[in-house]
PDB file of N, CA and C in Angstrom:
ATOM      1  N   MET A   1      13.351  -3.303  -0.045  1.00  0.00           N
ATOM      2  CA  MET A   1      11.940  -3.174   0.337  1.00  0.00           C
ATOM      3  C   MET A   1      11.837  -2.213   1.529  1.00  0.00           C
ATOM      4  N   THR A   2      10.836  -1.398   1.480  1.00  0.00           N
ATOM      5  CA  THR A   2      10.580  -0.475   2.584  1.00  0.00           C
ATOM      6  C   THR A   2       9.161  -0.716   3.084  1.00  0.00           C
ATOM      7  N   ASN A   3       8.898  -0.214   4.290  1.00  0.00           N
ATOM      8  CA  ASN A   3       7.521  -0.297   4.793  1.00  0.00           C
ATOM      9  C   ASN A   3       6.701   0.842   4.187  1.00  0.00           C
ATOM     10  N   GLY A   4       5.418   0.804   4.342  1.00  0.00           N
ATOM     11  CA  GLY A   4       4.540   1.767   3.653  1.00  0.00           C
ATOM     12  C   GLY A   4       3.977   2.855   4.515  1.00  0.00           C
ATOM     13  N   THR A   5       4.740   3.323   5.510  1.00  0.00           N
ATOM     14  CA  THR A   5       4.222   4.335   6.423  1.00  0.00           C
ATOM     15  C   THR A   5       4.454   5.765   5.953  1.00  0.00           C
ATOM     16  N   LYS A   6       5.345   5.977   4.958  1.00  0.00           N
ATOM     17  CA  LYS A   6       5.618   7.319   4.483  1.00  0.00           C
ATOM     18  C   LYS A   6       5.083   7.499   3.067  1.00  0.00           C
ATOM     19  N   ARG A   7       4.249   8.545   2.904  1.00  0.00           N
ATOM     20  CA  ARG A   7       3.617   8.835   1.606  1.00  0.00           C
ATOM     21  C   ARG A   7       4.660   9.095   0.526  1.00  0.00           C
ATOM     22  N   ALA A   8       5.777   9.719   0.913  1.00  0.00           N
ATOM     23  CA  ALA A   8       6.822  10.073  -0.077  1.00  0.00           C
ATOM     24  C   ALA A   8       7.449   8.827  -0.721  1.00  0.00           C
ATOM     25  N   ASP A   9       7.361   7.671  -0.073  1.00  0.00           N
ATOM     26  CA  ASP A   9       7.944   6.431  -0.607  1.00  0.00           C
ATOM     27  C   ASP A   9       7.049   5.753  -1.625  1.00  0.00           C
ATOM     28  N   ILE A  10       5.819   6.240  -1.785  1.00  0.00           N
ATOM     29  CA  ILE A  10       4.834   5.549  -2.595  1.00  0.00           C
ATOM     30  C   ILE A  10       4.396   6.438  -3.740  1.00  0.00           C
ATOM     31  N   GLN A  11       4.323   5.852  -4.947  1.00  0.00           N
ATOM     32  CA  GLN A  11       3.845   6.602  -6.127  1.00  0.00           C
ATOM     33  C   GLN A  11       3.136   5.619  -7.058  1.00  0.00           C
ATOM     34  N   GLY A  12       2.356   6.191  -7.941  1.00  0.00           N
ATOM     35  CA  GLY A  12       1.611   5.362  -8.899  1.00  0.00           C
ATOM     36  C   GLY A  12       2.560   4.508  -9.726  1.00  0.00           C
ATOM     37  N   GLY A  13       2.160   3.272  -9.978  1.00  0.00           N
ATOM     38  CA  GLY A  13       2.949   2.348 -10.776  1.00  0.00           C
ATOM     39  C   GLY A  13       3.888   1.477 -10.002  1.00  0.00           C
ATOM     40  N   LEU A  14       4.038   1.736  -8.677  1.00  0.00           N
ATOM     41  CA  LEU A  14       4.895   0.898  -7.854  1.00  0.00           C
ATOM     42  C   LEU A  14       4.211  -0.412  -7.483  1.00  0.00           C
ATOM     43  N   LYS A  15       5.025  -1.466  -7.372  1.00  0.00           N
ATOM     44  CA  LYS A  15       4.539  -2.764  -6.896  1.00  0.00           C
ATOM     45  C   LYS A  15       4.591  -2.760  -5.358  1.00  0.00           C
ATOM     46  N   VAL A  16       3.457  -3.056  -4.735  1.00  0.00           N
ATOM     47  CA  VAL A  16       3.362  -3.020  -3.278  1.00  0.00           C
ATOM     48  C   VAL A  16       2.592  -4.239  -2.780  1.00  0.00           C
ATOM     49  N   SER A  17       2.759  -4.517  -1.493  1.00  0.00           N
ATOM     50  CA  SER A  17       1.926  -5.491  -0.791  1.00  0.00           C
ATOM     51  C   SER A  17       1.056  -4.716   0.174  1.00  0.00           C
ATOM     52  N   ILE A  18      -0.273  -4.954   0.114  1.00  0.00           N
ATOM     53  CA  ILE A  18      -1.210  -4.247   0.988  1.00  0.00           C
ATOM     54  C   ILE A  18      -1.960  -5.245   1.823  1.00  0.00           C
ATOM     55  N   VAL A  19      -2.553  -4.756   2.923  1.00  0.00           N
ATOM     56  CA  VAL A  19      -3.467  -5.565   3.718  1.00  0.00           C
ATOM     57  C   VAL A  19      -4.844  -4.971   3.514  1.00  0.00           C
ATOM     58  N   LEU A  20      -5.787  -5.799   3.083  1.00  0.00           N
ATOM     59  CA  LEU A  20      -7.163  -5.354   2.864  1.00  0.00           C
ATOM     60  C   LEU A  20      -7.859  -5.269   4.200  1.00  0.00           C
ATOM     61  N   LYS A  21      -8.921  -4.454   4.285  1.00  0.00           N
ATOM     62  CA  LYS A  21      -9.673  -4.279   5.522  1.00  0.00           C
ATOM     63  C   LYS A  21     -10.094  -5.633   6.135  1.00  0.00           C
ATOM     64  N   GLN A  22     -10.629  -6.525   5.290  1.00  0.00           N
ATOM     65  CA  GLN A  22     -11.129  -7.796   5.783  1.00  0.00           C
ATOM     66  C   GLN A  22      -9.996  -8.754   6.182  1.00  0.00           C
ATOM     67  N   ASP A  23      -8.730  -8.428   5.789  1.00  0.00           N
ATOM     68  CA  ASP A  23      -7.600  -9.269   6.105  1.00  0.00           C
ATOM     69  C   ASP A  23      -6.745  -8.731   7.250  1.00  0.00           C
ATOM     70  N   GLN A  24      -7.191  -7.643   7.891  1.00  0.00           N
ATOM     71  CA  GLN A  24      -6.372  -7.031   8.927  1.00  0.00           C
ATOM     72  C   GLN A  24      -6.128  -7.946  10.101  1.00  0.00           C
ATOM     73  N   SER A  25      -7.140  -8.755  10.472  1.00  0.00           N
ATOM     74  CA  SER A  25      -6.941  -9.648  11.627  1.00  0.00           C
ATOM     75  C   SER A  25      -5.969 -10.750  11.330  1.00  0.00           C
ATOM     76  N   SER A  26      -5.959 -11.266  10.076  1.00  0.00           N
ATOM     77  CA  SER A  26      -5.045 -12.367   9.718  1.00  0.00           C
ATOM     78  C   SER A  26      -3.713 -11.868   9.223  1.00  0.00           C
ATOM     79  N   GLY A  27      -3.643 -10.617   8.744  1.00  0.00           N
ATOM     80  CA  GLY A  27      -2.400 -10.083   8.232  1.00  0.00           C
ATOM     81  C   GLY A  27      -2.057 -10.520   6.833  1.00  0.00           C
ATOM     82  N   LYS A  28      -3.029 -11.157   6.134  1.00  0.00           N
ATOM     83  CA  LYS A  28      -2.802 -11.638   4.770  1.00  0.00           C
ATOM     84  C   LYS A  28      -2.511 -10.465   3.835  1.00  0.00           C
ATOM     85  N   LEU A  29      -1.457 -10.591   3.021  1.00  0.00           N
ATOM     86  CA  LEU A  29      -1.052  -9.516   2.122  1.00  0.00           C
ATOM     87  C   LEU A  29      -1.503  -9.798   0.713  1.00  0.00           C
ATOM     88  N   THR A  30      -1.812  -8.726  -0.015  1.00  0.00           N
ATOM     89  CA  THR A  30      -2.210  -8.778  -1.426  1.00  0.00           C
ATOM     90  C   THR A  30      -1.227  -7.946  -2.226  1.00  0.00           C
ATOM     91  N   ILE A  31      -0.665  -8.484  -3.299  1.00  0.00           N
ATOM     92  CA  ILE A  31       0.328  -7.770  -4.110  1.00  0.00           C
ATOM     93  C   ILE A  31      -0.388  -7.129  -5.295  1.00  0.00           C
ATOM     94  N   GLY A  32       0.051  -5.895  -5.623  1.00  0.00           N
ATOM     95  CA  GLY A  32      -0.523  -5.212  -6.775  1.00  0.00           C
ATOM     96  C   GLY A  32       0.242  -3.966  -7.120  1.00  0.00           C
ATOM     97  N   ILE A  33      -0.255  -3.251  -8.111  1.00  0.00           N
ATOM     98  CA  ILE A  33       0.360  -2.021  -8.610  1.00  0.00           C
ATOM     99  C   ILE A  33      -0.488  -0.831  -8.184  1.00  0.00           C
ATOM    100  N   VAL A  34       0.157   0.202  -7.606  1.00  0.00           N
ATOM    101  CA  VAL A  34      -0.562   1.376  -7.114  1.00  0.00           C
ATOM    102  C   VAL A  34      -1.152   2.185  -8.263  1.00  0.00           C
ATOM    103  N   ARG A  35      -2.476   2.468  -8.164  1.00  0.00           N
ATOM    104  CA  ARG A  35      -3.162   3.376  -9.103  1.00  0.00           C
ATOM    105  C   ARG A  35      -3.344   4.758  -8.456  1.00  0.00           C
ATOM    106  N   ASP A  36      -3.878   4.787  -7.204  1.00  0.00           N
ATOM    107  CA  ASP A  36      -4.131   6.054  -6.518  1.00  0.00           C
ATOM    108  C   ASP A  36      -3.657   5.940  -5.078  1.00  0.00           C
ATOM    109  N   ILE A  37      -3.174   7.102  -4.570  1.00  0.00           N
ATOM    110  CA  ILE A  37      -2.832   7.206  -3.129  1.00  0.00           C
ATOM    111  C   ILE A  37      -3.991   7.909  -2.463  1.00  0.00           C
ATOM    112  N   LEU A  38      -4.587   7.259  -1.474  1.00  0.00           N
ATOM    113  CA  LEU A  38      -5.806   7.778  -0.831  1.00  0.00           C
ATOM    114  C   LEU A  38      -5.513   8.547   0.462  1.00  0.00           C
ATOM    115  N   THR A  39      -4.420   8.251   1.148  1.00  0.00           N
ATOM    116  CA  THR A  39      -4.068   8.945   2.372  1.00  0.00           C
ATOM    117  C   THR A  39      -3.485  10.318   2.025  1.00  0.00           C
ATOM    118  N   LYS A  40      -3.978  11.356   2.682  1.00  0.00           N
ATOM    119  CA  LYS A  40      -3.536  12.712   2.412  1.00  0.00           C
ATOM    120  C   LYS A  40      -2.356  13.141   3.250  1.00  0.00           C
ATOM    121  N   SER A  41      -2.215  12.573   4.489  1.00  0.00           N
ATOM    122  CA  SER A  41      -1.161  12.966   5.403  1.00  0.00           C
ATOM    123  C   SER A  41       0.195  12.374   4.922  1.00  0.00           C
ATOM    124  N   ALA A  42       1.293  12.956   5.409  1.00  0.00           N
ATOM    125  CA  ALA A  42       2.618  12.562   4.992  1.00  0.00           C
ATOM    126  C   ALA A  42       2.991  11.176   5.498  1.00  0.00           C
ATOM    127  N   THR A  43       2.476  10.808   6.683  1.00  0.00           N
ATOM    128  CA  THR A  43       2.741   9.479   7.244  1.00  0.00           C
ATOM    129  C   THR A  43       1.490   8.927   7.878  1.00  0.00           C
ATOM    130  N   HIS A  44       1.452   7.609   8.051  1.00  0.00           N
ATOM    131  CA  HIS A  44       0.369   6.958   8.756  1.00  0.00           C
ATOM    132  C   HIS A  44       0.969   5.707   9.415  1.00  0.00           C
ATOM    133  N   PRO A  45       0.756   5.548  10.741  1.00  0.00           N
ATOM    134  CA  PRO A  45       1.371   4.421  11.473  1.00  0.00           C
ATOM    135  C   PRO A  45       0.987   3.023  10.975  1.00  0.00           C
ATOM    136  N   HIS A  46      -0.187   2.875  10.367  1.00  0.00           N
ATOM    137  CA  HIS A  46      -0.621   1.562   9.905  1.00  0.00           C
ATOM    138  C   HIS A  46      -0.408   1.377   8.416  1.00  0.00           C
ATOM    139  N   GLY A  47       0.181   2.356   7.753  1.00  0.00           N
ATOM    140  CA  GLY A  47       0.455   2.264   6.315  1.00  0.00           C
ATOM    141  C   GLY A  47      -0.429   3.229   5.526  1.00  0.00           C
ATOM    142  N   ILE A  48       0.119   3.690   4.415  1.00  0.00           N
ATOM    143  CA  ILE A  48      -0.588   4.602   3.550  1.00  0.00           C
ATOM    144  C   ILE A  48      -1.671   3.837   2.800  1.00  0.00           C
ATOM    145  N   LYS A  49      -2.870   4.404   2.750  1.00  0.00           N
ATOM    146  CA  LYS A  49      -3.992   3.714   2.053  1.00  0.00           C
ATOM    147  C   LYS A  49      -3.887   4.018   0.573  1.00  0.00           C
ATOM    148  N   VAL A  50      -3.984   2.976  -0.264  1.00  0.00           N
ATOM    149  CA  VAL A  50      -3.894   3.102  -1.705  1.00  0.00           C
ATOM    150  C   VAL A  50      -4.979   2.288  -2.369  1.00  0.00           C
ATOM    151  N   ARG A  51      -5.238   2.616  -3.651  1.00  0.00           N
ATOM    152  CA  ARG A  51      -6.096   1.800  -4.513  1.00  0.00           C
ATOM    153  C   ARG A  51      -5.176   1.173  -5.567  1.00  0.00           C
ATOM    154  N   LEU A  52      -5.278  -0.122  -5.730  1.00  0.00           N
ATOM    155  CA  LEU A  52      -4.487  -0.834  -6.720  1.00  0.00           C
ATOM    156  C   LEU A  52      -5.147  -0.741  -8.101  1.00  0.00           C
ATOM    157  N   GLU A  53      -4.403  -1.107  -9.122  1.00  0.00           N
ATOM    158  CA  GLU A  53      -4.944  -1.078 -10.491  1.00  0.00           C
ATOM    159  C   GLU A  53      -6.146  -1.972 -10.667  1.00  0.00           C
ATOM    160  N   ASN A  54      -6.267  -3.023  -9.849  1.00  0.00           N
ATOM    161  CA  ASN A  54      -7.428  -3.917  -9.951  1.00  0.00           C
ATOM    162  C   ASN A  54      -8.588  -3.412  -9.117  1.00  0.00           C
ATOM    163  N   GLY A  55      -8.454  -2.253  -8.468  1.00  0.00           N
ATOM    164  CA  GLY A  55      -9.565  -1.644  -7.722  1.00  0.00           C
ATOM    165  C   GLY A  55      -9.596  -1.959  -6.239  1.00  0.00           C
ATOM    166  N   LEU A  56      -8.736  -2.851  -5.764  1.00  0.00           N
ATOM    167  CA  LEU A  56      -8.706  -3.171  -4.348  1.00  0.00           C
ATOM    168  C   LEU A  56      -8.077  -2.012  -3.552  1.00  0.00           C
ATOM    169  N   VAL A  57      -8.587  -1.823  -2.336  1.00  0.00           N
ATOM    170  CA  VAL A  57      -8.100  -0.722  -1.474  1.00  0.00           C
ATOM    171  C   VAL A  57      -7.567  -1.324  -0.176  1.00  0.00           C
ATOM    172  N   GLY A  58      -6.415  -0.853   0.239  1.00  0.00           N
ATOM    173  CA  GLY A  58      -5.843  -1.330   1.480  1.00  0.00           C
ATOM    174  C   GLY A  58      -4.641  -0.450   1.881  1.00  0.00           C
ATOM    175  N   ARG A  59      -4.039  -0.842   2.999  1.00  0.00           N
ATOM    176  CA  ARG A  59      -2.891  -0.091   3.529  1.00  0.00           C
ATOM    177  C   ARG A  59      -1.596  -0.788   3.150  1.00  0.00           C
ATOM    178  N   VAL A  60      -0.605   0.000   2.680  1.00  0.00           N
ATOM    179  CA  VAL A  60       0.655  -0.542   2.218  1.00  0.00           C
ATOM    180  C   VAL A  60       1.452  -1.051   3.409  1.00  0.00           C
ATOM    181  N   LYS A  61       1.927  -2.287   3.281  1.00  0.00           N
ATOM    182  CA  LYS A  61       2.787  -2.881   4.310  1.00  0.00           C
ATOM    183  C   LYS A  61       4.228  -3.023   3.776  1.00  0.00           C
ATOM    184  N   ILE A  62       4.360  -3.277   2.468  1.00  0.00           N
ATOM    185  CA  ILE A  62       5.701  -3.425   1.877  1.00  0.00           C
ATOM    186  C   ILE A  62       5.708  -2.729   0.508  1.00  0.00           C
ATOM    187  N   VAL A  63       6.747  -1.947   0.271  1.00  0.00           N
ATOM    188  CA  VAL A  63       6.984  -1.361  -1.041  1.00  0.00           C
ATOM    189  C   VAL A  63       8.123  -2.169  -1.676  1.00  0.00           C
ATOM    190  N   HIS A  64       7.841  -2.859  -2.775  1.00  0.00           N
ATOM    191  CA  HIS A  64       8.812  -3.700  -3.433  1.00  0.00           C
ATOM    192  C   HIS A  64       9.749  -2.860  -4.329  1.00  0.00           C
ATOM    193  N   GLN A  65      10.992  -3.266  -4.408  1.00  0.00           N
ATOM    194  CA  GLN A  65      11.947  -2.572  -5.268  1.00  0.00           C
ATOM    195  C   GLN A  65      11.575  -2.853  -6.718  1.00  0.00           C
ATOM    196  N   ALA A  66      11.914  -1.892  -7.588  1.00  0.00           N
ATOM    197  CA  ALA A  66      11.651  -2.073  -9.028  1.00  0.00           C
ATOM    198  C   ALA A  66      12.439  -3.255  -9.543  1.00  0.00           C
ATOM    199  N   ASP A  67      11.809  -4.054 -10.392  1.00  0.00           N
ATOM    200  CA  ASP A  67      12.454  -5.260 -10.930  1.00  0.00           C
ATOM    201  C   ASP A  67      13.451  -4.917 -12.008  1.00  0.00           C
TER     202      ASP A  67
END
């Protein structure tokens, strides 16, 4: 597992854990599959922003290894 601060580590179809905007204070993570990468820069200190296949948007905290 890697953290989600580098855009190069994230691609469509990967299983990730993200923190939603409304969950930032609690740190609650949501697991899903990446559909779109929304952050344009190569890195972001709080995690790369992505849209999951279910439409939720948040910042990647954990990139899970392929099963």
